[in-house]
Amino acid sequence: AESPLVGRTISQNQLFNRYELNLLAVSRRG
C-alpha cells in the first residue's frame, strides 16, 4: 500500500531507467 508505484504506470515510474527492473507480468485479483 505504501509503494511509490501505486497509481502510476511503469512509464511514469521509469522502472527500468531508475531501478534496472523490467515488468514482465501483472496479476490483479478480480
mmCIF file of all heavy atoms, coordinates in Angstrom:
data_MODEL
# 
_entry.id   MODEL 
# 
loop_
_atom_site.group_PDB 
_atom_site.id 
_atom_site.type_symbol 
_atom_site.label_atom_id 
_atom_site.label_alt_id 
_atom_site.label_comp_id 
_atom_site.label_asym_id 
_atom_site.label_entity_id 
_atom_site.label_seq_id 
_atom_site.pdbx_PDB_ins_code 
_atom_site.Cartn_x 
_atom_site.Cartn_y 
_atom_site.Cartn_z 
_atom_site.occupancy 
_atom_site.B_iso_or_equiv 
_atom_site.pdbx_formal_charge 
_atom_site.auth_seq_id 
_atom_site.auth_comp_id 
_atom_site.auth_asym_id 
_atom_site.auth_atom_id 
_atom_site.pdbx_PDB_model_num 
ATOM 1   N N   . ALA A 1 1  ? 0.819   -1.217  0.000   1.00 0.00 ? 1  ALA A N   1 
ATOM 2   C CA  . ALA A 1 1  ? 0.000   0.000   0.000   1.00 0.00 ? 1  ALA A CA  1 
ATOM 3   C C   . ALA A 1 1  ? 0.851   1.264   0.000   1.00 0.00 ? 1  ALA A C   1 
ATOM 4   O O   . ALA A 1 1  ? 0.432   2.311   -0.511  1.00 0.00 ? 1  ALA A O   1 
ATOM 5   C CB  . ALA A 1 1  ? -0.925  -0.010  1.217   1.00 0.00 ? 1  ALA A CB  1 
ATOM 6   N N   . GLU A 1 2  ? 2.064   1.202   0.563   1.00 0.00 ? 2  GLU A N   1 
ATOM 7   C CA  . GLU A 1 2  ? 2.934   2.369   0.648   1.00 0.00 ? 2  GLU A CA  1 
ATOM 8   C C   . GLU A 1 2  ? 3.901   2.460   -0.521  1.00 0.00 ? 2  GLU A C   1 
ATOM 9   O O   . GLU A 1 2  ? 4.771   3.332   -0.538  1.00 0.00 ? 2  GLU A O   1 
ATOM 10  C CB  . GLU A 1 2  ? 3.737   2.316   1.964   1.00 0.00 ? 2  GLU A CB  1 
ATOM 11  C CG  . GLU A 1 2  ? 2.887   2.219   3.215   1.00 0.00 ? 2  GLU A CG  1 
ATOM 12  C CD  . GLU A 1 2  ? 1.953   3.406   3.352   1.00 0.00 ? 2  GLU A CD  1 
ATOM 13  O OE1 . GLU A 1 2  ? 2.381   4.531   3.030   1.00 0.00 ? 2  GLU A OE1 1 
ATOM 14  O OE2 . GLU A 1 2  ? 0.792   3.205   3.767   1.00 0.00 ? 2  GLU A OE2 1 
ATOM 15  N N   . SER A 1 3  ? 3.776   1.576   -1.499  1.00 0.00 ? 3  SER A N   1 
ATOM 16  C CA  . SER A 1 3  ? 4.719   1.571   -2.615  1.00 0.00 ? 3  SER A CA  1 
ATOM 17  C C   . SER A 1 3  ? 4.568   2.835   -3.462  1.00 0.00 ? 3  SER A C   1 
ATOM 18  O O   . SER A 1 3  ? 3.450   3.264   -3.762  1.00 0.00 ? 3  SER A O   1 
ATOM 19  C CB  . SER A 1 3  ? 4.492   0.332   -3.491  1.00 0.00 ? 3  SER A CB  1 
ATOM 20  O OG  . SER A 1 3  ? 5.283   0.400   -4.664  1.00 0.00 ? 3  SER A OG  1 
ATOM 21  N N   . PRO A 1 4  ? 5.670   3.437   -3.881  1.00 0.00 ? 4  PRO A N   1 
ATOM 22  C CA  . PRO A 1 4  ? 5.606   4.597   -4.786  1.00 0.00 ? 4  PRO A CA  1 
ATOM 23  C C   . PRO A 1 4  ? 5.086   4.240   -6.178  1.00 0.00 ? 4  PRO A C   1 
ATOM 24  O O   . PRO A 1 4  ? 4.788   5.132   -6.961  1.00 0.00 ? 4  PRO A O   1 
ATOM 25  C CB  . PRO A 1 4  ? 7.062   5.072   -4.837  1.00 0.00 ? 4  PRO A CB  1 
ATOM 26  C CG  . PRO A 1 4  ? 7.874   3.871   -4.481  1.00 0.00 ? 4  PRO A CG  1 
ATOM 27  C CD  . PRO A 1 4  ? 7.054   3.113   -3.498  1.00 0.00 ? 4  PRO A CD  1 
ATOM 28  N N   . LEU A 1 5  ? 4.965   2.944   -6.465  1.00 0.00 ? 5  LEU A N   1 
ATOM 29  C CA  . LEU A 1 5  ? 4.445   2.532   -7.763  1.00 0.00 ? 5  LEU A CA  1 
ATOM 30  C C   . LEU A 1 5  ? 2.931   2.616   -7.848  1.00 0.00 ? 5  LEU A C   1 
ATOM 31  O O   . LEU A 1 5  ? 2.365   2.626   -8.950  1.00 0.00 ? 5  LEU A O   1 
ATOM 32  C CB  . LEU A 1 5  ? 4.878   1.081   -8.070  1.00 0.00 ? 5  LEU A CB  1 
ATOM 33  C CG  . LEU A 1 5  ? 6.373   0.755   -8.043  1.00 0.00 ? 5  LEU A CG  1 
ATOM 34  C CD1 . LEU A 1 5  ? 6.595   -0.707  -8.403  1.00 0.00 ? 5  LEU A CD1 1 
ATOM 35  C CD2 . LEU A 1 5  ? 7.152   1.661   -8.983  1.00 0.00 ? 5  LEU A CD2 1 
ATOM 36  N N   . VAL A 1 6  ? 2.247   2.665   -6.729  1.00 0.00 ? 6  VAL A N   1 
ATOM 37  C CA  . VAL A 1 6  ? 0.777   2.658   -6.709  1.00 0.00 ? 6  VAL A CA  1 
ATOM 38  C C   . VAL A 1 6  ? 0.230   3.892   -7.419  1.00 0.00 ? 6  VAL A C   1 
ATOM 39  O O   . VAL A 1 6  ? 0.649   5.027   -7.172  1.00 0.00 ? 6  VAL A O   1 
ATOM 40  C CB  . VAL A 1 6  ? 0.258   2.609   -5.260  1.00 0.00 ? 6  VAL A CB  1 
ATOM 41  C CG1 . VAL A 1 6  ? -1.261  2.777   -5.219  1.00 0.00 ? 6  VAL A CG1 1 
ATOM 42  C CG2 . VAL A 1 6  ? 0.653   1.293   -4.597  1.00 0.00 ? 6  VAL A CG2 1 
ATOM 43  N N   . GLY A 1 7  ? -0.734  3.631   -8.329  1.00 0.00 ? 7  GLY A N   1 
ATOM 44  C CA  . GLY A 1 7  ? -1.401  4.719   -9.039  1.00 0.00 ? 7  GLY A CA  1 
ATOM 45  C C   . GLY A 1 7  ? -0.631  5.273   -10.205 1.00 0.00 ? 7  GLY A C   1 
ATOM 46  O O   . GLY A 1 7  ? -1.097  6.214   -10.862 1.00 0.00 ? 7  GLY A O   1 
ATOM 47  N N   . ARG A 1 8  ? 0.521   4.715   -10.487 1.00 0.00 ? 8  ARG A N   1 
ATOM 48  C CA  . ARG A 1 8  ? 1.347   5.212   -11.582 1.00 0.00 ? 8  ARG A CA  1 
ATOM 49  C C   . ARG A 1 8  ? 1.648   4.079   -12.549 1.00 0.00 ? 8  ARG A C   1 
ATOM 50  O O   . ARG A 1 8  ? 1.672   2.900   -12.173 1.00 0.00 ? 8  ARG A O   1 
ATOM 51  C CB  . ARG A 1 8  ? 2.650   5.809   -11.042 1.00 0.00 ? 8  ARG A CB  1 
ATOM 52  C CG  . ARG A 1 8  ? 2.443   7.036   -10.154 1.00 0.00 ? 8  ARG A CG  1 
ATOM 53  C CD  . ARG A 1 8  ? 3.698   7.369   -9.369  1.00 0.00 ? 8  ARG A CD  1 
ATOM 54  N NE  . ARG A 1 8  ? 4.831   7.701   -10.233 1.00 0.00 ? 8  ARG A NE  1 
ATOM 55  C CZ  . ARG A 1 8  ? 5.078   8.921   -10.720 1.00 0.00 ? 8  ARG A CZ  1 
ATOM 56  N NH1 . ARG A 1 8  ? 4.243   9.915   -10.427 1.00 0.00 ? 8  ARG A NH1 1 
ATOM 57  N NH2 . ARG A 1 8  ? 6.125   9.156   -11.456 1.00 0.00 ? 8  ARG A NH2 1 
ATOM 58  N N   . THR A 1 9  ? 1.894   4.455   -13.806 1.00 0.00 ? 9  THR A N   1 
ATOM 59  C CA  . THR A 1 9  ? 2.259   3.464   -14.819 1.00 0.00 ? 9  THR A CA  1 
ATOM 60  C C   . THR A 1 9  ? 3.754   3.198   -14.757 1.00 0.00 ? 9  THR A C   1 
ATOM 61  O O   . THR A 1 9  ? 4.522   3.947   -14.140 1.00 0.00 ? 9  THR A O   1 
ATOM 62  C CB  . THR A 1 9  ? 1.886   3.945   -16.231 1.00 0.00 ? 9  THR A CB  1 
ATOM 63  O OG1 . THR A 1 9  ? 2.711   5.075   -16.552 1.00 0.00 ? 9  THR A OG1 1 
ATOM 64  C CG2 . THR A 1 9  ? 0.426   4.320   -16.319 1.00 0.00 ? 9  THR A CG2 1 
ATOM 65  N N   . ILE A 1 10 ? 4.150   2.146   -15.448 1.00 0.00 ? 10 ILE A N   1 
ATOM 66  C CA  . ILE A 1 10 ? 5.575   1.804   -15.486 1.00 0.00 ? 10 ILE A CA  1 
ATOM 67  C C   . ILE A 1 10 ? 6.361   2.914   -16.168 1.00 0.00 ? 10 ILE A C   1 
ATOM 68  O O   . ILE A 1 10 ? 7.478   3.250   -15.765 1.00 0.00 ? 10 ILE A O   1 
ATOM 69  C CB  . ILE A 1 10 ? 5.773   0.462   -16.222 1.00 0.00 ? 10 ILE A CB  1 
ATOM 70  C CG1 . ILE A 1 10 ? 5.062   -0.662  -15.456 1.00 0.00 ? 10 ILE A CG1 1 
ATOM 71  C CG2 . ILE A 1 10 ? 7.249   0.136   -16.363 1.00 0.00 ? 10 ILE A CG2 1 
ATOM 72  C CD1 . ILE A 1 10 ? 5.466   -0.782  -14.010 1.00 0.00 ? 10 ILE A CD1 1 
ATOM 73  N N   . SER A 1 11 ? 5.769   3.500   -17.215 1.00 0.00 ? 11 SER A N   1 
ATOM 74  C CA  . SER A 1 11 ? 6.443   4.605   -17.913 1.00 0.00 ? 11 SER A CA  1 
ATOM 75  C C   . SER A 1 11 ? 6.651   5.779   -16.966 1.00 0.00 ? 11 SER A C   1 
ATOM 76  O O   . SER A 1 11 ? 7.726   6.396   -16.946 1.00 0.00 ? 11 SER A O   1 
ATOM 77  C CB  . SER A 1 11 ? 5.616   5.028   -19.132 1.00 0.00 ? 11 SER A CB  1 
ATOM 78  O OG  . SER A 1 11 ? 5.454   3.954   -20.024 1.00 0.00 ? 11 SER A OG  1 
ATOM 79  N N   . GLN A 1 12 ? 5.640   6.104   -16.186 1.00 0.00 ? 12 GLN A N   1 
ATOM 80  C CA  . GLN A 1 12 ? 5.757   7.222   -15.254 1.00 0.00 ? 12 GLN A CA  1 
ATOM 81  C C   . GLN A 1 12 ? 6.777   6.940   -14.155 1.00 0.00 ? 12 GLN A C   1 
ATOM 82  O O   . GLN A 1 12 ? 7.478   7.841   -13.689 1.00 0.00 ? 12 GLN A O   1 
ATOM 83  C CB  . GLN A 1 12 ? 4.389   7.531   -14.636 1.00 0.00 ? 12 GLN A CB  1 
ATOM 84  C CG  . GLN A 1 12 ? 3.389   8.111   -15.623 1.00 0.00 ? 12 GLN A CG  1 
ATOM 85  C CD  . GLN A 1 12 ? 1.992   8.196   -15.044 1.00 0.00 ? 12 GLN A CD  1 
ATOM 86  O OE1 . GLN A 1 12 ? 1.630   7.443   -14.134 1.00 0.00 ? 12 GLN A OE1 1 
ATOM 87  N NE2 . GLN A 1 12 ? 1.190   9.118   -15.570 1.00 0.00 ? 12 GLN A NE2 1 
ATOM 88  N N   . ASN A 1 13 ? 6.843   5.689   -13.735 1.00 0.00 ? 13 ASN A N   1 
ATOM 89  C CA  . ASN A 1 13 ? 7.784   5.336   -12.674 1.00 0.00 ? 13 ASN A CA  1 
ATOM 90  C C   . ASN A 1 13 ? 9.215   5.156   -13.188 1.00 0.00 ? 13 ASN A C   1 
ATOM 91  O O   . ASN A 1 13 ? 10.146  5.080   -12.380 1.00 0.00 ? 13 ASN A O   1 
ATOM 92  C CB  . ASN A 1 13 ? 7.338   4.031   -11.996 1.00 0.00 ? 13 ASN A CB  1 
ATOM 93  C CG  . ASN A 1 13 ? 6.228   4.246   -10.987 1.00 0.00 ? 13 ASN A CG  1 
ATOM 94  O OD1 . ASN A 1 13 ? 6.380   4.997   -10.035 1.00 0.00 ? 13 ASN A OD1 1 
ATOM 95  N ND2 . ASN A 1 13 ? 5.091   3.598   -11.217 1.00 0.00 ? 13 ASN A ND2 1 
ATOM 96  N N   . GLN A 1 14 ? 9.365   5.084   -14.514 1.00 0.00 ? 14 GLN A N   1 
ATOM 97  C CA  . GLN A 1 14 ? 10.686  4.855   -15.127 1.00 0.00 ? 14 GLN A CA  1 
ATOM 98  C C   . GLN A 1 14 ? 11.391  3.678   -14.418 1.00 0.00 ? 14 GLN A C   1 
ATOM 99  O O   . GLN A 1 14 ? 12.535  3.781   -13.956 1.00 0.00 ? 14 GLN A O   1 
ATOM 100 C CB  . GLN A 1 14 ? 11.539  6.117   -15.043 1.00 0.00 ? 14 GLN A CB  1 
ATOM 101 C CG  . GLN A 1 14 ? 10.984  7.274   -15.869 1.00 0.00 ? 14 GLN A CG  1 
ATOM 102 C CD  . GLN A 1 14 ? 11.928  8.463   -15.889 1.00 0.00 ? 14 GLN A CD  1 
ATOM 103 O OE1 . GLN A 1 14 ? 12.554  8.798   -14.880 1.00 0.00 ? 14 GLN A OE1 1 
ATOM 104 N NE2 . GLN A 1 14 ? 12.047  9.106   -17.038 1.00 0.00 ? 14 GLN A NE2 1 
ATOM 105 N N   . LEU A 1 15 ? 10.689  2.575   -14.367 1.00 0.00 ? 15 LEU A N   1 
ATOM 106 C CA  . LEU A 1 15 ? 11.149  1.421   -13.602 1.00 0.00 ? 15 LEU A CA  1 
ATOM 107 C C   . LEU A 1 15 ? 12.509  0.914   -14.077 1.00 0.00 ? 15 LEU A C   1 
ATOM 108 O O   . LEU A 1 15 ? 13.377  0.568   -13.280 1.00 0.00 ? 15 LEU A O   1 
ATOM 109 C CB  . LEU A 1 15 ? 10.098  0.301   -13.696 1.00 0.00 ? 15 LEU A CB  1 
ATOM 110 C CG  . LEU A 1 15 ? 10.129  -0.776  -12.608 1.00 0.00 ? 15 LEU A CG  1 
ATOM 111 C CD1 . LEU A 1 15 ? 9.921   -0.174  -11.237 1.00 0.00 ? 15 LEU A CD1 1 
ATOM 112 C CD2 . LEU A 1 15 ? 9.071   -1.839  -12.887 1.00 0.00 ? 15 LEU A CD2 1 
ATOM 113 N N   . PHE A 1 16 ? 12.697  0.905   -15.401 1.00 0.00 ? 16 PHE A N   1 
ATOM 114 C CA  . PHE A 1 16 ? 13.962  0.388   -15.930 1.00 0.00 ? 16 PHE A CA  1 
ATOM 115 C C   . PHE A 1 16 ? 15.083  1.417   -15.772 1.00 0.00 ? 16 PHE A C   1 
ATOM 116 O O   . PHE A 1 16 ? 16.189  1.086   -15.329 1.00 0.00 ? 16 PHE A O   1 
ATOM 117 C CB  . PHE A 1 16 ? 13.804  0.008   -17.402 1.00 0.00 ? 16 PHE A CB  1 
ATOM 118 C CG  . PHE A 1 16 ? 15.045  -0.618  -17.991 1.00 0.00 ? 16 PHE A CG  1 
ATOM 119 C CD1 . PHE A 1 16 ? 15.334  -1.953  -17.771 1.00 0.00 ? 16 PHE A CD1 1 
ATOM 120 C CD2 . PHE A 1 16 ? 15.934  0.129   -18.750 1.00 0.00 ? 16 PHE A CD2 1 
ATOM 121 C CE1 . PHE A 1 16 ? 16.479  -2.530  -18.290 1.00 0.00 ? 16 PHE A CE1 1 
ATOM 122 C CE2 . PHE A 1 16 ? 17.077  -0.436  -19.267 1.00 0.00 ? 16 PHE A CE2 1 
ATOM 123 C CZ  . PHE A 1 16 ? 17.354  -1.776  -19.040 1.00 0.00 ? 16 PHE A CZ  1 
ATOM 124 N N   . ASN A 1 17 ? 14.813  2.658   -16.129 1.00 0.00 ? 17 ASN A N   1 
ATOM 125 C CA  . ASN A 1 17 ? 15.863  3.678   -16.093 1.00 0.00 ? 17 ASN A CA  1 
ATOM 126 C C   . ASN A 1 17 ? 16.344  3.960   -14.673 1.00 0.00 ? 17 ASN A C   1 
ATOM 127 O O   . ASN A 1 17 ? 17.527  4.203   -14.433 1.00 0.00 ? 17 ASN A O   1 
ATOM 128 C CB  . ASN A 1 17 ? 15.357  4.978   -16.730 1.00 0.00 ? 17 ASN A CB  1 
ATOM 129 C CG  . ASN A 1 17 ? 15.095  4.819   -18.222 1.00 0.00 ? 17 ASN A CG  1 
ATOM 130 O OD1 . ASN A 1 17 ? 15.714  3.967   -18.870 1.00 0.00 ? 17 ASN A OD1 1 
ATOM 131 N ND2 . ASN A 1 17 ? 14.185  5.604   -18.772 1.00 0.00 ? 17 ASN A ND2 1 
ATOM 132 N N   . ARG A 1 18 ? 15.435  3.906   -13.703 1.00 0.00 ? 18 ARG A N   1 
ATOM 133 C CA  . ARG A 1 18 ? 15.806  4.255   -12.332 1.00 0.00 ? 18 ARG A CA  1 
ATOM 134 C C   . ARG A 1 18 ? 16.227  3.054   -11.495 1.00 0.00 ? 18 ARG A C   1 
ATOM 135 O O   . ARG A 1 18 ? 17.102  3.167   -10.634 1.00 0.00 ? 18 ARG A O   1 
ATOM 136 C CB  . ARG A 1 18 ? 14.632  4.969   -11.651 1.00 0.00 ? 18 ARG A CB  1 
ATOM 137 C CG  . ARG A 1 18 ? 14.296  6.323   -12.262 1.00 0.00 ? 18 ARG A CG  1 
ATOM 138 C CD  . ARG A 1 18 ? 13.051  6.924   -11.636 1.00 0.00 ? 18 ARG A CD  1 
ATOM 139 N NE  . ARG A 1 18 ? 13.228  7.156   -10.202 1.00 0.00 ? 18 ARG A NE  1 
ATOM 140 C CZ  . ARG A 1 18 ? 12.245  7.604   -9.405  1.00 0.00 ? 18 ARG A CZ  1 
ATOM 141 N NH1 . ARG A 1 18 ? 11.043  7.849   -9.908  1.00 0.00 ? 18 ARG A NH1 1 
ATOM 142 N NH2 . ARG A 1 18 ? 12.479  7.801   -8.133  1.00 0.00 ? 18 ARG A NH2 1 
ATOM 143 N N   . TYR A 1 19 ? 15.599  1.902   -11.759 1.00 0.00 ? 19 TYR A N   1 
ATOM 144 C CA  . TYR A 1 19 ? 15.833  0.750   -10.883 1.00 0.00 ? 19 TYR A CA  1 
ATOM 145 C C   . TYR A 1 19 ? 16.398  -0.474  -11.613 1.00 0.00 ? 19 TYR A C   1 
ATOM 146 O O   . TYR A 1 19 ? 16.647  -1.497  -10.966 1.00 0.00 ? 19 TYR A O   1 
ATOM 147 C CB  . TYR A 1 19 ? 14.531  0.355   -10.184 1.00 0.00 ? 19 TYR A CB  1 
ATOM 148 C CG  . TYR A 1 19 ? 13.904  1.461   -9.385  1.00 0.00 ? 19 TYR A CG  1 
ATOM 149 C CD1 . TYR A 1 19 ? 12.806  2.179   -9.874  1.00 0.00 ? 19 TYR A CD1 1 
ATOM 150 C CD2 . TYR A 1 19 ? 14.409  1.818   -8.133  1.00 0.00 ? 19 TYR A CD2 1 
ATOM 151 C CE1 . TYR A 1 19 ? 12.224  3.194   -9.144  1.00 0.00 ? 19 TYR A CE1 1 
ATOM 152 C CE2 . TYR A 1 19 ? 13.839  2.828   -7.387  1.00 0.00 ? 19 TYR A CE2 1 
ATOM 153 C CZ  . TYR A 1 19 ? 12.740  3.526   -7.905  1.00 0.00 ? 19 TYR A CZ  1 
ATOM 154 O OH  . TYR A 1 19 ? 12.171  4.528   -7.173  1.00 0.00 ? 19 TYR A OH  1 
ATOM 155 N N   . GLU A 1 20 ? 16.600  -0.400  -12.929 1.00 0.00 ? 20 GLU A N   1 
ATOM 156 C CA  . GLU A 1 20 ? 17.088  -1.538  -13.710 1.00 0.00 ? 20 GLU A CA  1 
ATOM 157 C C   . GLU A 1 20 ? 16.187  -2.760  -13.523 1.00 0.00 ? 20 GLU A C   1 
ATOM 158 O O   . GLU A 1 20 ? 16.650  -3.892  -13.352 1.00 0.00 ? 20 GLU A O   1 
ATOM 159 C CB  . GLU A 1 20 ? 18.524  -1.907  -13.301 1.00 0.00 ? 20 GLU A CB  1 
ATOM 160 C CG  . GLU A 1 20 ? 19.571  -0.954  -13.839 1.00 0.00 ? 20 GLU A CG  1 
ATOM 161 C CD  . GLU A 1 20 ? 19.946  -1.248  -15.289 1.00 0.00 ? 20 GLU A CD  1 
ATOM 162 O OE1 . GLU A 1 20 ? 20.053  -2.433  -15.650 1.00 0.00 ? 20 GLU A OE1 1 
ATOM 163 O OE2 . GLU A 1 20 ? 20.108  -0.286  -16.061 1.00 0.00 ? 20 GLU A OE2 1 
ATOM 164 N N   . LEU A 1 21 ? 14.855  -2.513  -13.543 1.00 0.00 ? 21 LEU A N   1 
ATOM 165 C CA  . LEU A 1 21 ? 13.879  -3.589  -13.432 1.00 0.00 ? 21 LEU A CA  1 
ATOM 166 C C   . LEU A 1 21 ? 12.958  -3.581  -14.638 1.00 0.00 ? 21 LEU A C   1 
ATOM 167 O O   . LEU A 1 21 ? 12.584  -2.519  -15.143 1.00 0.00 ? 21 LEU A O   1 
ATOM 168 C CB  . LEU A 1 21 ? 13.022  -3.429  -12.161 1.00 0.00 ? 21 LEU A CB  1 
ATOM 169 C CG  . LEU A 1 21 ? 13.696  -3.622  -10.809 1.00 0.00 ? 21 LEU A CG  1 
ATOM 170 C CD1 . LEU A 1 21 ? 12.693  -3.371  -9.695  1.00 0.00 ? 21 LEU A CD1 1 
ATOM 171 C CD2 . LEU A 1 21 ? 14.277  -5.026  -10.679 1.00 0.00 ? 21 LEU A CD2 1 
ATOM 172 N N   . ASN A 1 22 ? 12.605  -4.764  -15.095 1.00 0.00 ? 22 ASN A N   1 
ATOM 173 C CA  . ASN A 1 22 ? 11.608  -4.918  -16.149 1.00 0.00 ? 22 ASN A CA  1 
ATOM 174 C C   . ASN A 1 22 ? 10.349  -5.538  -15.563 1.00 0.00 ? 22 ASN A C   1 
ATOM 175 O O   . ASN A 1 22 ? 10.429  -6.539  -14.837 1.00 0.00 ? 22 ASN A O   1 
ATOM 176 C CB  . ASN A 1 22 ? 12.129  -5.825  -17.271 1.00 0.00 ? 22 ASN A CB  1 
ATOM 177 C CG  . ASN A 1 22 ? 13.042  -5.087  -18.226 1.00 0.00 ? 22 ASN A CG  1 
ATOM 178 O OD1 . ASN A 1 22 ? 12.889  -3.881  -18.438 1.00 0.00 ? 22 ASN A OD1 1 
ATOM 179 N ND2 . ASN A 1 22 ? 13.998  -5.797  -18.815 1.00 0.00 ? 22 ASN A ND2 1 
ATOM 180 N N   . LEU A 1 23 ? 9.198   -4.975  -15.884 1.00 0.00 ? 23 LEU A N   1 
ATOM 181 C CA  . LEU A 1 23 ? 7.923   -5.581  -15.502 1.00 0.00 ? 23 LEU A CA  1 
ATOM 182 C C   . LEU A 1 23 ? 7.520   -6.550  -16.604 1.00 0.00 ? 23 LEU A C   1 
ATOM 183 O O   . LEU A 1 23 ? 7.312   -6.147  -17.747 1.00 0.00 ? 23 LEU A O   1 
ATOM 184 C CB  . LEU A 1 23 ? 6.841   -4.507  -15.332 1.00 0.00 ? 23 LEU A CB  1 
ATOM 185 C CG  . LEU A 1 23 ? 5.438   -5.037  -14.982 1.00 0.00 ? 23 LEU A CG  1 
ATOM 186 C CD1 . LEU A 1 23 ? 5.416   -5.623  -13.578 1.00 0.00 ? 23 LEU A CD1 1 
ATOM 187 C CD2 . LEU A 1 23 ? 4.397   -3.927  -15.115 1.00 0.00 ? 23 LEU A CD2 1 
ATOM 188 N N   . LEU A 1 24 ? 7.394   -7.836  -16.249 1.00 0.00 ? 24 LEU A N   1 
ATOM 189 C CA  . LEU A 1 24 ? 7.085   -8.861  -17.240 1.00 0.00 ? 24 LEU A CA  1 
ATOM 190 C C   . LEU A 1 24 ? 5.634   -9.305  -17.212 1.00 0.00 ? 24 LEU A C   1 
ATOM 191 O O   . LEU A 1 24 ? 5.096   -9.738  -18.233 1.00 0.00 ? 24 LEU A O   1 
ATOM 192 C CB  . LEU A 1 24 ? 7.978   -10.093 -17.027 1.00 0.00 ? 24 LEU A CB  1 
ATOM 193 C CG  . LEU A 1 24 ? 9.489   -9.873  -17.120 1.00 0.00 ? 24 LEU A CG  1 
ATOM 194 C CD1 . LEU A 1 24 ? 10.217  -11.198 -16.964 1.00 0.00 ? 24 LEU A CD1 1 
ATOM 195 C CD2 . LEU A 1 24 ? 9.866   -9.210  -18.437 1.00 0.00 ? 24 LEU A CD2 1 
ATOM 196 N N   . ALA A 1 25 ? 4.986   -9.217  -16.050 1.00 0.00 ? 25 ALA A N   1 
ATOM 197 C CA  . ALA A 1 25 ? 3.605   -9.694  -15.957 1.00 0.00 ? 25 ALA A CA  1 
ATOM 198 C C   . ALA A 1 25 ? 2.942   -9.090  -14.722 1.00 0.00 ? 25 ALA A C   1 
ATOM 199 O O   . ALA A 1 25 ? 3.616   -8.732  -13.752 1.00 0.00 ? 25 ALA A O   1 
ATOM 200 C CB  . ALA A 1 25 ? 3.567   -11.222 -15.883 1.00 0.00 ? 25 ALA A CB  1 
ATOM 201 N N   . VAL A 1 26 ? 1.604   -8.993  -14.788 1.00 0.00 ? 26 VAL A N   1 
ATOM 202 C CA  . VAL A 1 26 ? 0.809   -8.441  -13.697 1.00 0.00 ? 26 VAL A CA  1 
ATOM 203 C C   . VAL A 1 26 ? -0.391  -9.340  -13.451 1.00 0.00 ? 26 VAL A C   1 
ATOM 204 O O   . VAL A 1 26 ? -1.015  -9.823  -14.405 1.00 0.00 ? 26 VAL A O   1 
ATOM 205 C CB  . VAL A 1 26 ? 0.311   -7.012  -14.010 1.00 0.00 ? 26 VAL A CB  1 
ATOM 206 C CG1 . VAL A 1 26 ? -0.525  -6.469  -12.852 1.00 0.00 ? 26 VAL A CG1 1 
ATOM 207 C CG2 . VAL A 1 26 ? 1.470   -6.082  -14.308 1.00 0.00 ? 26 VAL A CG2 1 
ATOM 208 N N   . SER A 1 27 ? -0.712  -9.571  -12.172 1.00 0.00 ? 27 SER A N   1 
ATOM 209 C CA  . SER A 1 27 ? -1.920  -10.303 -11.812 1.00 0.00 ? 27 SER A CA  1 
ATOM 210 C C   . SER A 1 27 ? -2.727  -9.434  -10.861 1.00 0.00 ? 27 SER A C   1 
ATOM 211 O O   . SER A 1 27 ? -2.188  -8.940  -9.863  1.00 0.00 ? 27 SER A O   1 
ATOM 212 C CB  . SER A 1 27 ? -1.572  -11.637 -11.132 1.00 0.00 ? 27 SER A CB  1 
ATOM 213 O OG  . SER A 1 27 ? -2.736  -12.276 -10.655 1.00 0.00 ? 27 SER A OG  1 
ATOM 214 N N   . ARG A 1 28 ? -4.010  -9.259  -11.171 1.00 0.00 ? 28 ARG A N   1 
ATOM 215 C CA  . ARG A 1 28 ? -4.876  -8.417  -10.345 1.00 0.00 ? 28 ARG A CA  1 
ATOM 216 C C   . ARG A 1 28 ? -6.120  -9.217  -9.978  1.00 0.00 ? 28 ARG A C   1 
ATOM 217 O O   . ARG A 1 28 ? -6.879  -9.659  -10.856 1.00 0.00 ? 28 ARG A O   1 
ATOM 218 C CB  . ARG A 1 28 ? -5.249  -7.141  -11.082 1.00 0.00 ? 28 ARG A CB  1 
ATOM 219 C CG  . ARG A 1 28 ? -6.196  -6.219  -10.326 1.00 0.00 ? 28 ARG A CG  1 
ATOM 220 C CD  . ARG A 1 28 ? -6.290  -4.867  -11.025 1.00 0.00 ? 28 ARG A CD  1 
ATOM 221 N NE  . ARG A 1 28 ? -5.001  -4.174  -11.014 1.00 0.00 ? 28 ARG A NE  1 
ATOM 222 C CZ  . ARG A 1 28 ? -4.719  -3.133  -11.807 1.00 0.00 ? 28 ARG A CZ  1 
ATOM 223 N NH1 . ARG A 1 28 ? -5.615  -2.685  -12.672 1.00 0.00 ? 28 ARG A NH1 1 
ATOM 224 N NH2 . ARG A 1 28 ? -3.532  -2.551  -11.728 1.00 0.00 ? 28 ARG A NH2 1 
ATOM 225 N N   . ARG A 1 29 ? -6.320  -9.412  -8.697  1.00 0.00 ? 29 ARG A N   1 
ATOM 226 C CA  . ARG A 1 29 ? -7.447  -10.221 -8.250  1.00 0.00 ? 29 ARG A CA  1 
ATOM 227 C C   . ARG A 1 29 ? -8.769  -9.565  -8.620  1.00 0.00 ? 29 ARG A C   1 
ATOM 228 O O   . ARG A 1 29 ? -8.989  -8.375  -8.385  1.00 0.00 ? 29 ARG A O   1 
ATOM 229 C CB  . ARG A 1 29 ? -7.390  -10.423 -6.734  1.00 0.00 ? 29 ARG A CB  1 
ATOM 230 C CG  . ARG A 1 29 ? -8.491  -11.326 -6.187  1.00 0.00 ? 29 ARG A CG  1 
ATOM 231 C CD  . ARG A 1 29 ? -8.262  -11.624 -4.727  1.00 0.00 ? 29 ARG A CD  1 
ATOM 232 N NE  . ARG A 1 29 ? -7.065  -12.424 -4.532  1.00 0.00 ? 29 ARG A NE  1 
ATOM 233 C CZ  . ARG A 1 29 ? -7.025  -13.760 -4.671  1.00 0.00 ? 29 ARG A CZ  1 
ATOM 234 N NH1 . ARG A 1 29 ? -8.117  -14.411 -5.044  1.00 0.00 ? 29 ARG A NH1 1 
ATOM 235 N NH2 . ARG A 1 29 ? -5.918  -14.418 -4.463  1.00 0.00 ? 29 ARG A NH2 1 
ATOM 236 N N   . GLY A 1 30 ? -9.628  -10.367 -9.246  1.00 0.00 ? 30 GLY A N   1 
ATOM 237 C CA  . GLY A 1 30 ? -10.978 -9.908  -9.552  1.00 0.00 ? 30 GLY A CA  1 
ATOM 238 C C   . GLY A 1 30 ? -11.119 -9.144  -10.843 1.00 0.00 ? 30 GLY A C   1 
ATOM 239 O O   . GLY A 1 30 ? -12.239 -8.757  -11.202 1.00 0.00 ? 30 GLY A O   1 
# 
